[in-house]
Amino acid sequence: MLEINKVITLGNDERYLVIETINMNDKEYYYIAEVNATEQDIVDNYKIVTVDVKEDGVKVINEITGEDKLKEILPLFLERFG
C-alpha cells in the first residue's frame, strides 16, 4: 500500500520517508522516518505503522504502540537492516 523510498504526509502534517516494509501474520508493517522541511534529511523520529483502507478508499495510517507489540515487530526490521 505504501511505496518504499516515498515521502508520506500524516494527518498532523509531519512528513515521513517509508524505509522498509515487512509482512507478519498477513499484515503489512512499515518502518518510517520523519524528514525535515526540505525532505533532504531524516529527523531522529521513527515509527512503525500499518495502513487500513476505509470503504471510501481513504488510507488511515496507524502507529504501532505498546512495548509488547514493538518488541515483536522491531526485530524483524532490524534483521533486514543487519
C-alpha atoms as a PDB file:
ATOM      1  CA  MET A   1       0.000   0.000   0.000  1.00  0.00           C
ATOM      2  CA  LEU A   2       2.864   2.377   0.763  1.00  0.00           C
ATOM      3  CA  GLU A   3       5.887   2.597  -1.519  1.00  0.00           C
ATOM      4  CA  ILE A   4       9.421   2.259  -0.181  1.00  0.00           C
ATOM      5  CA  ASN A   5      11.508   5.464  -0.543  1.00  0.00           C
ATOM      6  CA  LYS A   6       8.417   7.664  -0.911  1.00  0.00           C
ATOM      7  CA  VAL A   7       7.526  10.515   1.439  1.00  0.00           C
ATOM      8  CA  ILE A   8       4.077  10.443   3.043  1.00  0.00           C
ATOM      9  CA  THR A   9       2.313  13.175   4.997  1.00  0.00           C
ATOM     10  CA  LEU A  10       0.467  12.271   8.174  1.00  0.00           C
ATOM     11  CA  GLY A  11      -2.706  13.981   9.371  1.00  0.00           C
ATOM     12  CA  ASN A  12      -0.643  16.253  11.624  1.00  0.00           C
ATOM     13  CA  ASP A  13       1.351  17.461   8.555  1.00  0.00           C
ATOM     14  CA  GLU A  14       4.507  15.619   9.624  1.00  0.00           C
ATOM     15  CA  ARG A  15       6.314  14.127   6.637  1.00  0.00           C
ATOM     16  CA  TYR A  16       7.881  10.655   6.765  1.00  0.00           C
ATOM     17  CA  LEU A  17      10.011   8.597   4.442  1.00  0.00           C
ATOM     18  CA  VAL A  18       8.910   4.974   4.063  1.00  0.00           C
ATOM     19  CA  ILE A  19      12.092   2.994   4.730  1.00  0.00           C
ATOM     20  CA  GLU A  20      11.040  -0.653   4.816  1.00  0.00           C
ATOM     21  CA  THR A  21       8.062  -2.987   4.982  1.00  0.00           C
ATOM     22  CA  ILE A  22       7.536  -6.438   6.436  1.00  0.00           C
ATOM     23  CA  ASN A  23       4.603  -8.814   6.449  1.00  0.00           C
ATOM     24  CA  MET A  24       3.680 -10.550   9.685  1.00  0.00           C
ATOM     25  CA  ASN A  25       0.508 -12.590  10.160  1.00  0.00           C
ATOM     26  CA  ASP A  26      -0.891 -11.329   6.836  1.00  0.00           C
ATOM     27  CA  LYS A  27      -0.490  -7.686   7.904  1.00  0.00           C
ATOM     28  CA  GLU A  28       1.901  -5.165   6.353  1.00  0.00           C
ATOM     29  CA  TYR A  29       4.036  -3.118   8.748  1.00  0.00           C
ATOM     30  CA  TYR A  30       6.050  -0.093   7.643  1.00  0.00           C
ATOM     31  CA  TYR A  31       9.157   1.452   9.215  1.00  0.00           C
ATOM     32  CA  ILE A  32       9.057   5.204   8.593  1.00  0.00           C
ATOM     33  CA  ALA A  33      11.404   8.083   9.445  1.00  0.00           C
ATOM     34  CA  GLU A  34      10.475  11.740   9.802  1.00  0.00           C
ATOM     35  CA  VAL A  35      12.115  14.081   7.289  1.00  0.00           C
ATOM     36  CA  ASN A  36      12.906  17.777   7.576  1.00  0.00           C
ATOM     37  CA  ALA A  37      11.009  20.521   5.726  1.00  0.00           C
ATOM     38  CA  THR A  38      13.171  20.183   2.600  1.00  0.00           C
ATOM     39  CA  GLU A  39      12.865  16.370   2.679  1.00  0.00           C
ATOM     40  CA  GLN A  40      16.658  16.162   2.373  1.00  0.00           C
ATOM     41  CA  ASP A  41      17.495  14.826   5.847  1.00  0.00           C
ATOM     42  CA  ILE A  42      15.969  12.400   8.306  1.00  0.00           C
ATOM     43  CA  VAL A  43      14.967  13.790  11.684  1.00  0.00           C
ATOM     44  CA  ASP A  44      15.601  11.469  14.646  1.00  0.00           C
ATOM     45  CA  ASN A  45      11.979  10.294  14.843  1.00  0.00           C
ATOM     46  CA  TYR A  46      10.991   6.808  13.677  1.00  0.00           C
ATOM     47  CA  LYS A  47       7.695   4.921  13.752  1.00  0.00           C
ATOM     48  CA  ILE A  48       6.257   1.555  12.866  1.00  0.00           C
ATOM     49  CA  VAL A  49       2.849   1.872  11.266  1.00  0.00           C
ATOM     50  CA  THR A  50       0.136  -0.080   9.494  1.00  0.00           C
ATOM     51  CA  VAL A  51      -2.289   1.150   6.852  1.00  0.00           C
ATOM     52  CA  ASP A  52      -6.009   0.487   6.830  1.00  0.00           C
ATOM     53  CA  VAL A  53      -8.199   1.416   3.881  1.00  0.00           C
ATOM     54  CA  LYS A  54     -11.682   2.690   4.650  1.00  0.00           C
ATOM     55  CA  GLU A  55     -14.683   1.799   2.491  1.00  0.00           C
ATOM     56  CA  ASP A  56     -14.360   5.141   0.688  1.00  0.00           C
ATOM     57  CA  GLY A  57     -10.750   4.323  -0.261  1.00  0.00           C
ATOM     58  CA  VAL A  58      -9.126   6.706   2.240  1.00  0.00           C
ATOM     59  CA  LYS A  59      -5.896   5.323   3.724  1.00  0.00           C
ATOM     60  CA  VAL A  60      -5.596   5.568   7.507  1.00  0.00           C
ATOM     61  CA  ILE A  61      -2.113   5.231   8.998  1.00  0.00           C
ATOM     62  CA  ASN A  62      -1.975   3.715  12.474  1.00  0.00           C
ATOM     63  CA  GLU A  63       1.116   3.938  14.653  1.00  0.00           C
ATOM     64  CA  ILE A  64       2.096   0.746  16.459  1.00  0.00           C
ATOM     65  CA  THR A  65       2.414   1.434  20.165  1.00  0.00           C
ATOM     66  CA  GLY A  66       2.813  -0.771  23.175  1.00  0.00           C
ATOM     67  CA  GLU A  67       6.031  -2.329  24.308  1.00  0.00           C
ATOM     68  CA  ASP A  68       4.970  -5.937  23.673  1.00  0.00           C
ATOM     69  CA  LYS A  69       3.920  -5.316  20.067  1.00  0.00           C
ATOM     70  CA  LEU A  70       7.045  -3.265  19.325  1.00  0.00           C
ATOM     71  CA  LYS A  71       9.281  -5.988  20.818  1.00  0.00           C
ATOM     72  CA  GLU A  72       7.621  -8.457  18.473  1.00  0.00           C
ATOM     73  CA  ILE A  73       7.881  -6.381  15.280  1.00  0.00           C
ATOM     74  CA  LEU A  74      11.074  -4.298  15.618  1.00  0.00           C
ATOM     75  CA  PRO A  75      13.485  -7.278  15.498  1.00  0.00           C
ATOM     76  CA  LEU A  76      12.033  -8.269  12.105  1.00  0.00           C
ATOM     77  CA  PHE A  77      13.001  -4.864  10.706  1.00  0.00           C
ATOM     78  CA  LEU A  78      16.419  -5.000  12.355  1.00  0.00           C
ATOM     79  CA  GLU A  79      17.106  -8.335  10.620  1.00  0.00           C
ATOM     80  CA  ARG A  80      16.581  -6.598   7.275  1.00  0.00           C
ATOM     81  CA  PHE A  81      18.958  -3.769   8.176  1.00  0.00           C
ATOM     82  CA  GLY A  82      21.519  -6.169   9.657  1.00  0.00           C
END
